[in-house]
N, C-alpha and C. Protein backbone atom coordinates (compact mmCIF):
# COMPACT_ATOMS: atom_id res chain seq x y z
N MET A 1 3.35 -3.63 -54.45
CA MET A 1 4.37 -2.61 -54.55
C MET A 1 3.80 -1.22 -54.26
N GLU A 2 2.55 -1.03 -54.64
CA GLU A 2 1.94 0.28 -54.44
C GLU A 2 1.77 0.60 -52.96
N GLY A 3 1.47 -0.43 -52.15
CA GLY A 3 1.30 -0.23 -50.71
C GLY A 3 2.60 0.17 -50.04
N SER A 4 3.73 -0.32 -50.53
CA SER A 4 5.01 0.01 -49.91
C SER A 4 5.39 1.47 -50.15
N GLU A 5 4.93 2.06 -51.25
CA GLU A 5 5.21 3.47 -51.51
C GLU A 5 4.44 4.36 -50.54
N ASN A 6 3.20 3.99 -50.21
CA ASN A 6 2.38 4.79 -49.29
C ASN A 6 2.85 4.68 -47.85
N ASP A 7 3.52 3.58 -47.50
CA ASP A 7 4.00 3.43 -46.13
C ASP A 7 5.07 4.47 -45.80
N GLY A 8 5.84 4.89 -46.77
CA GLY A 8 6.91 5.87 -46.54
C GLY A 8 6.39 7.29 -46.47
N ASN A 9 5.23 7.56 -47.05
CA ASN A 9 4.67 8.91 -47.06
C ASN A 9 3.95 9.18 -45.75
N VAL A 10 4.27 10.31 -45.15
CA VAL A 10 3.62 10.72 -43.90
C VAL A 10 2.72 11.90 -44.24
N THR A 11 1.49 11.84 -43.81
CA THR A 11 0.54 12.91 -44.09
C THR A 11 0.91 14.16 -43.30
N PRO A 12 0.55 15.32 -43.83
CA PRO A 12 0.84 16.56 -43.10
C PRO A 12 0.16 16.62 -41.73
N ILE A 13 -1.02 16.01 -41.64
CA ILE A 13 -1.72 16.01 -40.34
C ILE A 13 -0.95 15.20 -39.32
N ALA A 14 -0.42 14.04 -39.72
CA ALA A 14 0.37 13.22 -38.80
C ALA A 14 1.65 13.94 -38.39
N THR A 15 2.26 14.65 -39.33
CA THR A 15 3.47 15.43 -39.01
C THR A 15 3.14 16.53 -38.01
N TRP A 16 2.03 17.25 -38.26
CA TRP A 16 1.62 18.32 -37.36
C TRP A 16 1.31 17.76 -35.96
N LYS A 17 0.61 16.63 -35.93
CA LYS A 17 0.27 16.01 -34.65
C LYS A 17 1.52 15.61 -33.88
N THR A 18 2.47 15.00 -34.56
CA THR A 18 3.73 14.60 -33.91
C THR A 18 4.49 15.81 -33.39
N GLU A 19 4.56 16.86 -34.20
CA GLU A 19 5.26 18.07 -33.79
C GLU A 19 4.55 18.74 -32.61
N PHE A 20 3.21 18.77 -32.66
CA PHE A 20 2.46 19.37 -31.56
C PHE A 20 2.73 18.63 -30.24
N TRP A 21 2.66 17.29 -30.26
CA TRP A 21 2.89 16.52 -29.05
C TRP A 21 4.33 16.63 -28.57
N ARG A 22 5.27 16.76 -29.48
CA ARG A 22 6.67 16.94 -29.09
C ARG A 22 6.86 18.27 -28.35
N LYS A 23 6.26 19.34 -28.90
CA LYS A 23 6.36 20.65 -28.24
C LYS A 23 5.62 20.64 -26.90
N PHE A 24 4.44 20.00 -26.88
CA PHE A 24 3.67 19.90 -25.64
C PHE A 24 4.49 19.18 -24.56
N GLN A 25 5.11 18.07 -24.92
CA GLN A 25 5.93 17.32 -23.97
C GLN A 25 7.15 18.15 -23.53
N TYR A 26 7.72 18.94 -24.43
CA TYR A 26 8.84 19.80 -24.09
C TYR A 26 8.43 20.80 -23.00
N PHE A 27 7.29 21.47 -23.19
CA PHE A 27 6.83 22.44 -22.19
C PHE A 27 6.42 21.75 -20.89
N LEU A 28 5.86 20.57 -21.00
CA LEU A 28 5.51 19.81 -19.81
C LEU A 28 6.76 19.45 -19.00
N ASP A 29 7.80 19.02 -19.70
CA ASP A 29 9.06 18.69 -19.04
C ASP A 29 9.71 19.92 -18.41
N ARG A 30 9.60 21.06 -19.09
CA ARG A 30 10.17 22.30 -18.55
C ARG A 30 9.43 22.78 -17.31
N SER A 31 8.15 22.42 -17.18
CA SER A 31 7.35 22.86 -16.03
C SER A 31 7.58 22.02 -14.78
N THR A 32 8.26 20.91 -14.91
CA THR A 32 8.41 19.98 -13.80
C THR A 32 8.98 20.62 -12.53
N PRO A 33 10.07 21.37 -12.58
CA PRO A 33 10.60 21.93 -11.31
C PRO A 33 9.81 23.10 -10.74
N HIS A 34 8.88 23.65 -11.50
CA HIS A 34 8.14 24.84 -11.06
C HIS A 34 6.81 24.44 -10.42
N THR A 35 6.90 23.82 -9.25
CA THR A 35 5.72 23.27 -8.58
C THR A 35 4.69 24.34 -8.25
N MET A 36 5.12 25.42 -7.64
CA MET A 36 4.17 26.47 -7.23
C MET A 36 3.45 27.07 -8.43
N GLU A 37 4.18 27.35 -9.50
CA GLU A 37 3.57 27.94 -10.68
C GLU A 37 2.58 26.97 -11.33
N ARG A 38 2.92 25.68 -11.35
CA ARG A 38 2.00 24.69 -11.93
C ARG A 38 0.69 24.65 -11.16
N TRP A 39 0.78 24.62 -9.82
CA TRP A 39 -0.43 24.54 -9.01
C TRP A 39 -1.24 25.83 -9.07
N LEU A 40 -0.57 26.98 -9.21
CA LEU A 40 -1.32 28.23 -9.38
C LEU A 40 -2.06 28.23 -10.71
N GLY A 41 -1.44 27.68 -11.74
CA GLY A 41 -2.12 27.55 -13.03
C GLY A 41 -3.33 26.64 -12.94
N THR A 42 -3.19 25.53 -12.21
CA THR A 42 -4.31 24.62 -12.02
C THR A 42 -5.42 25.29 -11.23
N LEU A 43 -5.04 26.07 -10.22
CA LEU A 43 -6.04 26.81 -9.45
C LEU A 43 -6.80 27.79 -10.35
N ALA A 44 -6.08 28.43 -11.27
CA ALA A 44 -6.74 29.36 -12.21
C ALA A 44 -7.71 28.59 -13.11
N VAL A 45 -7.30 27.44 -13.61
CA VAL A 45 -8.18 26.62 -14.46
C VAL A 45 -9.41 26.18 -13.65
N ALA A 46 -9.21 25.78 -12.40
CA ALA A 46 -10.32 25.36 -11.55
C ALA A 46 -11.29 26.52 -11.30
N MET A 47 -10.75 27.71 -11.07
CA MET A 47 -11.61 28.87 -10.84
C MET A 47 -12.42 29.22 -12.10
N ILE A 48 -11.81 29.09 -13.26
CA ILE A 48 -12.53 29.32 -14.51
C ILE A 48 -13.68 28.31 -14.64
N TYR A 49 -13.40 27.07 -14.29
CA TYR A 49 -14.45 26.04 -14.34
C TYR A 49 -15.58 26.37 -13.36
N VAL A 50 -15.23 26.74 -12.14
CA VAL A 50 -16.24 27.07 -11.12
C VAL A 50 -17.08 28.26 -11.58
N LEU A 51 -16.42 29.27 -12.14
CA LEU A 51 -17.16 30.43 -12.64
C LEU A 51 -18.09 30.05 -13.79
N ARG A 52 -17.65 29.15 -14.64
CA ARG A 52 -18.50 28.68 -15.76
C ARG A 52 -19.74 27.96 -15.22
N VAL A 53 -19.55 27.08 -14.26
CA VAL A 53 -20.69 26.34 -13.68
C VAL A 53 -21.62 27.30 -12.96
N TYR A 54 -21.05 28.27 -12.25
CA TYR A 54 -21.87 29.25 -11.54
C TYR A 54 -22.66 30.12 -12.52
N TYR A 55 -22.01 30.54 -13.59
CA TYR A 55 -22.66 31.40 -14.56
C TYR A 55 -23.79 30.67 -15.30
N VAL A 56 -23.55 29.41 -15.66
CA VAL A 56 -24.54 28.63 -16.40
C VAL A 56 -25.63 28.09 -15.48
N GLN A 57 -25.33 27.97 -14.19
CA GLN A 57 -26.26 27.39 -13.21
C GLN A 57 -26.67 25.96 -13.62
N GLY A 58 -25.67 25.15 -13.89
CA GLY A 58 -25.95 23.78 -14.30
C GLY A 58 -24.69 22.93 -14.28
N PHE A 59 -24.78 21.78 -14.92
CA PHE A 59 -23.67 20.83 -15.04
C PHE A 59 -23.19 20.33 -13.67
N TYR A 60 -24.15 20.11 -12.79
CA TYR A 60 -23.79 19.66 -11.43
C TYR A 60 -23.36 18.19 -11.41
N VAL A 61 -23.90 17.40 -12.32
CA VAL A 61 -23.49 16.00 -12.37
C VAL A 61 -22.03 15.90 -12.84
N ILE A 62 -21.66 16.74 -13.80
CA ILE A 62 -20.26 16.77 -14.24
C ILE A 62 -19.36 17.21 -13.09
N SER A 63 -19.79 18.20 -12.33
CA SER A 63 -19.02 18.67 -11.18
C SER A 63 -18.89 17.58 -10.12
N TYR A 64 -19.96 16.84 -9.91
CA TYR A 64 -19.92 15.74 -8.95
C TYR A 64 -18.93 14.67 -9.41
N GLY A 65 -19.00 14.30 -10.68
CA GLY A 65 -18.05 13.32 -11.22
C GLY A 65 -16.62 13.82 -11.12
N LEU A 66 -16.41 15.10 -11.38
CA LEU A 66 -15.10 15.69 -11.24
C LEU A 66 -14.62 15.61 -9.79
N GLY A 67 -15.52 15.89 -8.85
CA GLY A 67 -15.17 15.81 -7.43
C GLY A 67 -14.79 14.40 -7.00
N ILE A 68 -15.51 13.40 -7.48
CA ILE A 68 -15.20 12.00 -7.16
C ILE A 68 -13.84 11.63 -7.75
N TYR A 69 -13.58 12.06 -8.97
CA TYR A 69 -12.30 11.76 -9.63
C TYR A 69 -11.13 12.41 -8.87
N VAL A 70 -11.31 13.66 -8.46
CA VAL A 70 -10.25 14.36 -7.71
C VAL A 70 -10.04 13.68 -6.36
N LEU A 71 -11.10 13.23 -5.73
CA LEU A 71 -10.98 12.51 -4.46
C LEU A 71 -10.20 11.21 -4.65
N ASN A 72 -10.47 10.50 -5.73
CA ASN A 72 -9.73 9.29 -6.04
C ASN A 72 -8.25 9.58 -6.27
N LEU A 73 -7.95 10.66 -6.98
CA LEU A 73 -6.55 11.05 -7.18
C LEU A 73 -5.88 11.43 -5.87
N LEU A 74 -6.61 12.11 -5.00
CA LEU A 74 -6.06 12.50 -3.71
C LEU A 74 -5.71 11.30 -2.86
N ILE A 75 -6.53 10.27 -2.89
CA ILE A 75 -6.23 9.04 -2.15
C ILE A 75 -4.95 8.41 -2.68
N GLY A 76 -4.80 8.37 -4.00
CA GLY A 76 -3.57 7.84 -4.58
C GLY A 76 -2.36 8.66 -4.22
N PHE A 77 -2.54 9.97 -4.11
CA PHE A 77 -1.44 10.87 -3.75
C PHE A 77 -1.02 10.69 -2.30
N LEU A 78 -1.97 10.42 -1.41
CA LEU A 78 -1.68 10.27 0.01
C LEU A 78 -1.27 8.86 0.41
N SER A 79 -1.44 7.90 -0.48
CA SER A 79 -1.16 6.50 -0.16
C SER A 79 0.28 6.13 -0.53
N PRO A 80 0.87 5.22 0.25
CA PRO A 80 2.22 4.76 -0.11
C PRO A 80 2.17 3.83 -1.32
N LYS A 81 3.27 3.78 -2.04
CA LYS A 81 3.33 2.94 -3.24
C LYS A 81 3.12 1.47 -2.89
N VAL A 82 3.76 1.05 -1.80
CA VAL A 82 3.60 -0.32 -1.32
C VAL A 82 2.74 -0.26 -0.07
N ASP A 83 1.57 -0.87 -0.12
CA ASP A 83 0.64 -0.83 1.00
C ASP A 83 1.19 -1.66 2.16
N PRO A 84 1.35 -1.07 3.35
CA PRO A 84 1.86 -1.80 4.50
C PRO A 84 1.01 -3.01 4.90
N GLU A 85 -0.30 -2.95 4.65
CA GLU A 85 -1.16 -4.09 4.98
C GLU A 85 -0.80 -5.30 4.13
N LEU A 86 -0.53 -5.09 2.86
CA LEU A 86 -0.14 -6.18 1.98
C LEU A 86 1.29 -6.61 2.26
N GLU A 87 2.14 -5.66 2.64
CA GLU A 87 3.53 -5.95 2.95
C GLU A 87 3.63 -6.83 4.19
N ALA A 88 2.73 -6.62 5.17
CA ALA A 88 2.74 -7.40 6.40
C ALA A 88 2.43 -8.87 6.10
N LEU A 89 1.62 -9.12 5.09
CA LEU A 89 1.31 -10.50 4.73
C LEU A 89 2.52 -11.21 4.13
N ASP A 90 3.40 -10.44 3.47
CA ASP A 90 4.59 -11.01 2.85
C ASP A 90 5.73 -11.19 3.86
N GLY A 91 5.58 -10.68 5.05
CA GLY A 91 6.63 -10.78 6.06
C GLY A 91 7.45 -9.50 6.18
N ALA A 92 7.46 -8.65 5.19
CA ALA A 92 8.18 -7.39 5.26
C ALA A 92 7.22 -6.33 5.80
N SER A 93 7.74 -5.38 6.54
CA SER A 93 6.89 -4.32 7.08
C SER A 93 7.67 -3.04 7.22
N LEU A 94 6.97 -1.96 7.52
CA LEU A 94 7.61 -0.69 7.75
C LEU A 94 8.43 -0.75 9.03
N PRO A 95 9.51 0.03 9.12
CA PRO A 95 10.32 0.01 10.34
C PRO A 95 9.54 0.57 11.51
N THR A 96 9.65 -0.09 12.65
CA THR A 96 8.97 0.38 13.85
C THR A 96 9.95 0.81 14.93
N LYS A 97 11.20 0.39 14.82
CA LYS A 97 12.22 0.77 15.78
C LYS A 97 13.32 1.55 15.08
N GLY A 98 14.13 2.25 15.86
CA GLY A 98 15.22 3.02 15.29
C GLY A 98 16.26 2.16 14.61
N SER A 99 16.38 0.91 15.00
CA SER A 99 17.38 0.03 14.41
C SER A 99 16.90 -0.63 13.12
N ASP A 100 15.61 -0.51 12.82
CA ASP A 100 15.07 -1.09 11.59
C ASP A 100 15.56 -0.31 10.37
N GLU A 101 15.49 -0.95 9.22
CA GLU A 101 15.91 -0.32 7.98
C GLU A 101 14.96 0.83 7.65
N PHE A 102 15.55 1.97 7.21
CA PHE A 102 14.76 3.14 6.83
C PHE A 102 14.20 2.94 5.43
N LYS A 103 12.88 3.16 5.30
CA LYS A 103 12.24 3.11 4.00
C LYS A 103 11.56 4.45 3.77
N PRO A 104 11.99 5.21 2.77
CA PRO A 104 11.37 6.51 2.55
C PRO A 104 9.94 6.35 2.03
N PHE A 105 9.15 7.39 2.25
CA PHE A 105 7.77 7.37 1.77
C PHE A 105 7.76 7.64 0.28
N ILE A 106 7.24 6.70 -0.47
CA ILE A 106 7.09 6.85 -1.92
C ILE A 106 5.60 6.78 -2.22
N ARG A 107 5.11 7.80 -2.88
CA ARG A 107 3.68 7.89 -3.17
C ARG A 107 3.25 6.91 -4.26
N ARG A 108 2.01 6.46 -4.14
CA ARG A 108 1.43 5.64 -5.21
C ARG A 108 1.24 6.49 -6.46
N LEU A 109 0.84 7.75 -6.28
CA LEU A 109 0.67 8.68 -7.40
C LEU A 109 1.61 9.87 -7.15
N PRO A 110 2.69 9.99 -7.90
CA PRO A 110 3.63 11.10 -7.69
C PRO A 110 2.97 12.46 -7.89
N GLU A 111 3.57 13.48 -7.31
CA GLU A 111 3.01 14.83 -7.33
C GLU A 111 2.78 15.34 -8.75
N PHE A 112 3.74 15.12 -9.64
CA PHE A 112 3.60 15.64 -11.01
C PHE A 112 2.42 14.97 -11.72
N LYS A 113 2.29 13.67 -11.59
CA LYS A 113 1.17 12.96 -12.23
C LYS A 113 -0.16 13.36 -11.59
N PHE A 114 -0.12 13.62 -10.28
CA PHE A 114 -1.31 14.10 -9.56
C PHE A 114 -1.74 15.45 -10.13
N TRP A 115 -0.79 16.36 -10.26
CA TRP A 115 -1.08 17.69 -10.81
C TRP A 115 -1.59 17.58 -12.24
N TYR A 116 -0.93 16.80 -13.05
CA TYR A 116 -1.29 16.68 -14.46
C TYR A 116 -2.70 16.09 -14.62
N ALA A 117 -3.03 15.08 -13.83
CA ALA A 117 -4.35 14.45 -13.92
C ALA A 117 -5.45 15.41 -13.48
N ILE A 118 -5.21 16.17 -12.42
CA ILE A 118 -6.21 17.14 -11.95
C ILE A 118 -6.41 18.24 -12.99
N THR A 119 -5.32 18.73 -13.54
CA THR A 119 -5.44 19.79 -14.55
C THR A 119 -6.21 19.30 -15.77
N LYS A 120 -5.88 18.09 -16.24
CA LYS A 120 -6.61 17.53 -17.38
C LYS A 120 -8.09 17.35 -17.04
N ALA A 121 -8.38 16.92 -15.82
CA ALA A 121 -9.77 16.70 -15.42
C ALA A 121 -10.56 18.00 -15.44
N PHE A 122 -9.97 19.09 -14.96
CA PHE A 122 -10.68 20.37 -14.97
C PHE A 122 -10.87 20.87 -16.40
N VAL A 123 -9.88 20.68 -17.25
CA VAL A 123 -10.01 21.11 -18.65
C VAL A 123 -11.10 20.31 -19.36
N VAL A 124 -11.11 19.00 -19.16
CA VAL A 124 -12.13 18.15 -19.79
C VAL A 124 -13.52 18.53 -19.26
N ALA A 125 -13.64 18.73 -17.95
CA ALA A 125 -14.93 19.11 -17.38
C ALA A 125 -15.38 20.46 -17.93
N PHE A 126 -14.45 21.39 -18.11
CA PHE A 126 -14.79 22.69 -18.69
C PHE A 126 -15.32 22.53 -20.11
N VAL A 127 -14.66 21.71 -20.91
CA VAL A 127 -15.11 21.48 -22.28
C VAL A 127 -16.49 20.82 -22.28
N LEU A 128 -16.74 19.91 -21.35
CA LEU A 128 -18.05 19.23 -21.29
C LEU A 128 -19.19 20.19 -20.97
N THR A 129 -18.89 21.33 -20.34
CA THR A 129 -19.96 22.28 -20.02
C THR A 129 -20.50 23.00 -21.25
N PHE A 130 -19.89 22.79 -22.40
CA PHE A 130 -20.40 23.41 -23.62
C PHE A 130 -21.37 22.50 -24.38
N PHE A 131 -21.66 21.32 -23.84
CA PHE A 131 -22.61 20.40 -24.45
C PHE A 131 -23.87 20.36 -23.59
N SER A 132 -24.93 20.98 -24.07
CA SER A 132 -26.14 21.13 -23.27
C SER A 132 -26.81 19.79 -22.94
N MET A 133 -26.56 18.77 -23.74
CA MET A 133 -27.18 17.46 -23.44
C MET A 133 -26.61 16.84 -22.17
N LEU A 134 -25.45 17.32 -21.72
CA LEU A 134 -24.84 16.79 -20.50
C LEU A 134 -25.31 17.53 -19.25
N ASP A 135 -26.13 18.54 -19.43
CA ASP A 135 -26.65 19.30 -18.29
C ASP A 135 -27.91 18.61 -17.77
N VAL A 136 -27.69 17.60 -16.94
CA VAL A 136 -28.80 16.83 -16.38
C VAL A 136 -29.36 17.60 -15.19
N PRO A 137 -30.68 17.84 -15.15
CA PRO A 137 -31.25 18.58 -14.02
C PRO A 137 -31.27 17.72 -12.75
N VAL A 138 -30.59 18.18 -11.74
CA VAL A 138 -30.56 17.49 -10.45
C VAL A 138 -30.66 18.53 -9.34
N PHE A 139 -30.99 18.05 -8.16
CA PHE A 139 -31.00 18.92 -6.98
C PHE A 139 -29.59 18.90 -6.41
N TRP A 140 -28.79 19.92 -6.73
CA TRP A 140 -27.36 19.91 -6.44
C TRP A 140 -27.02 19.85 -4.95
N PRO A 141 -27.81 20.36 -4.02
CA PRO A 141 -27.42 20.23 -2.61
C PRO A 141 -27.29 18.78 -2.14
N ILE A 142 -28.08 17.89 -2.70
CA ILE A 142 -27.97 16.46 -2.35
C ILE A 142 -26.62 15.92 -2.80
N LEU A 143 -26.23 16.25 -4.04
CA LEU A 143 -24.92 15.80 -4.54
C LEU A 143 -23.78 16.36 -3.70
N LEU A 144 -23.89 17.62 -3.33
CA LEU A 144 -22.85 18.25 -2.52
C LEU A 144 -22.75 17.60 -1.15
N CYS A 145 -23.88 17.36 -0.51
CA CYS A 145 -23.87 16.70 0.81
C CYS A 145 -23.30 15.29 0.72
N TYR A 146 -23.68 14.57 -0.32
CA TYR A 146 -23.16 13.21 -0.49
C TYR A 146 -21.65 13.23 -0.73
N TRP A 147 -21.18 14.18 -1.53
CA TRP A 147 -19.73 14.26 -1.79
C TRP A 147 -18.97 14.62 -0.51
N ILE A 148 -19.49 15.55 0.28
CA ILE A 148 -18.82 15.91 1.55
C ILE A 148 -18.80 14.71 2.49
N PHE A 149 -19.90 13.98 2.58
CA PHE A 149 -19.96 12.78 3.40
C PHE A 149 -18.93 11.75 2.93
N LEU A 150 -18.86 11.54 1.64
CA LEU A 150 -17.89 10.60 1.06
C LEU A 150 -16.46 11.06 1.31
N PHE A 151 -16.22 12.36 1.20
CA PHE A 151 -14.89 12.91 1.44
C PHE A 151 -14.45 12.66 2.88
N PHE A 152 -15.31 12.95 3.84
CA PHE A 152 -14.94 12.76 5.24
C PHE A 152 -14.74 11.30 5.60
N LEU A 153 -15.59 10.42 5.08
CA LEU A 153 -15.39 8.99 5.34
C LEU A 153 -14.06 8.48 4.75
N THR A 154 -13.77 8.90 3.53
CA THR A 154 -12.54 8.46 2.87
C THR A 154 -11.31 9.02 3.57
N MET A 155 -11.36 10.30 3.93
CA MET A 155 -10.20 10.90 4.61
C MET A 155 -10.02 10.30 6.00
N LYS A 156 -11.11 9.99 6.68
CA LYS A 156 -10.99 9.37 8.00
C LYS A 156 -10.28 8.02 7.88
N ARG A 157 -10.69 7.23 6.89
CA ARG A 157 -10.04 5.93 6.67
C ARG A 157 -8.56 6.10 6.32
N GLN A 158 -8.25 7.09 5.49
CA GLN A 158 -6.86 7.32 5.09
C GLN A 158 -6.02 7.80 6.26
N ILE A 159 -6.56 8.69 7.08
CA ILE A 159 -5.81 9.19 8.24
C ILE A 159 -5.59 8.08 9.26
N LEU A 160 -6.59 7.25 9.49
CA LEU A 160 -6.40 6.10 10.39
C LEU A 160 -5.34 5.14 9.85
N HIS A 161 -5.29 4.98 8.54
CA HIS A 161 -4.25 4.15 7.91
C HIS A 161 -2.87 4.76 8.15
N MET A 162 -2.76 6.10 8.02
CA MET A 162 -1.50 6.78 8.27
C MET A 162 -1.05 6.62 9.72
N ILE A 163 -2.00 6.74 10.63
CA ILE A 163 -1.67 6.61 12.06
C ILE A 163 -1.27 5.18 12.38
N LYS A 164 -1.99 4.21 11.86
CA LYS A 164 -1.70 2.81 12.14
C LYS A 164 -0.31 2.40 11.67
N TYR A 165 0.07 2.85 10.47
CA TYR A 165 1.36 2.45 9.91
C TYR A 165 2.44 3.52 10.03
N LYS A 166 2.14 4.60 10.76
CA LYS A 166 3.09 5.64 11.12
C LYS A 166 3.85 6.21 9.93
N TYR A 167 3.12 6.72 8.96
CA TYR A 167 3.76 7.41 7.85
C TYR A 167 3.09 8.75 7.65
N VAL A 168 3.88 9.72 7.17
CA VAL A 168 3.38 11.06 6.90
C VAL A 168 3.71 11.36 5.44
N PRO A 169 2.70 11.60 4.60
CA PRO A 169 2.96 11.82 3.17
C PRO A 169 3.43 13.21 2.81
N PHE A 170 3.65 14.07 3.79
CA PHE A 170 4.06 15.44 3.52
C PHE A 170 5.43 15.72 4.13
N ASP A 171 6.09 16.76 3.64
CA ASP A 171 7.39 17.16 4.17
C ASP A 171 7.26 18.09 5.36
N ILE A 172 6.06 18.50 5.69
CA ILE A 172 5.84 19.45 6.78
C ILE A 172 6.21 18.79 8.10
N GLY A 173 7.09 19.44 8.85
CA GLY A 173 7.47 18.94 10.17
C GLY A 173 8.57 17.90 10.14
N LYS A 174 9.04 17.50 8.97
CA LYS A 174 10.11 16.53 8.90
C LYS A 174 11.45 17.25 9.01
N GLN A 175 12.40 16.58 9.61
CA GLN A 175 13.73 17.16 9.81
C GLN A 175 14.42 17.30 8.46
N ARG A 176 15.04 18.47 8.26
CA ARG A 176 15.79 18.72 7.04
C ARG A 176 17.26 18.88 7.41
N TYR A 177 18.09 18.32 6.60
CA TYR A 177 19.53 18.42 6.82
C TYR A 177 20.09 19.40 5.81
N THR A 178 20.82 20.39 6.32
CA THR A 178 21.40 21.40 5.44
C THR A 178 22.89 21.43 5.65
N ASN A 179 23.60 21.93 4.65
CA ASN A 179 25.04 22.10 4.78
C ASN A 179 25.31 23.35 5.60
N LYS A 180 25.94 23.16 6.73
CA LYS A 180 26.32 24.29 7.56
C LYS A 180 27.84 24.34 7.56
N LYS A 181 28.34 25.55 7.42
CA LYS A 181 29.79 25.70 7.43
C LYS A 181 30.31 25.44 8.83
N SER A 182 31.44 24.78 8.89
CA SER A 182 32.02 24.52 10.21
C SER A 182 32.59 25.81 10.78
N ALA A 183 32.79 25.84 12.06
CA ALA A 183 33.26 27.05 12.74
C ALA A 183 34.64 27.45 12.26
N SER A 184 35.47 26.49 11.88
CA SER A 184 36.82 26.84 11.44
C SER A 184 36.81 27.50 10.07
N SER A 185 35.86 27.20 9.22
CA SER A 185 35.82 27.80 7.89
C SER A 185 35.04 29.09 7.84
N SER A 186 34.38 29.47 8.94
CA SER A 186 33.56 30.67 8.92
C SER A 186 34.38 31.94 9.08
N GLY A 187 35.62 31.82 9.49
CA GLY A 187 36.49 32.98 9.59
C GLY A 187 36.48 33.61 10.95
N THR A 188 35.68 33.15 11.88
CA THR A 188 35.68 33.71 13.23
C THR A 188 36.50 32.82 14.13
N PRO A 189 37.44 33.42 14.84
CA PRO A 189 38.28 32.59 15.74
C PRO A 189 37.48 32.13 16.94
N ARG A 190 37.77 30.93 17.40
CA ARG A 190 37.12 30.39 18.59
C ARG A 190 38.01 30.64 19.79
N ASN A 191 37.44 30.99 20.92
CA ASN A 191 38.19 31.22 22.16
C ASN A 191 38.14 30.04 23.08
């Protein structure tokens, strides 16, 4: 009987934690339509991290791990949700002719989740720079060269995949349809 009384009692810490996460989720939901502002905030967080690493002159292994993680997120952001290579094995494929069924590009990692994961990664990496035991001495130019090499190889593979299956993960250059008023409703007579 005594255990059933304690099940109904909620500790103040649990209440505070629940309230904190509810407010956090509220502000996260409110930020969803403000894409430019979200990315500018992430850029500010990234610059703070870069300045911290520059000022301390260390934590290059953490920066390298952060770079690999961001590269992995970028691949998910640029990849379609359903891989055309796997779809071809099932018999279904992307449309190749104008008469084929239109399938919109759906990302494997949506933009909001991409933004949220990158922002969390920079915040976590920033916090890790305050633990001196994580500052492993390395020759950072080697890590930077290896990361650049890995970036170019990965992007080359991804771009070749985009070309092979004819998809573009961006809205740049795509036709947009807008509501245009007809000539009769514009108020100008036609001759």
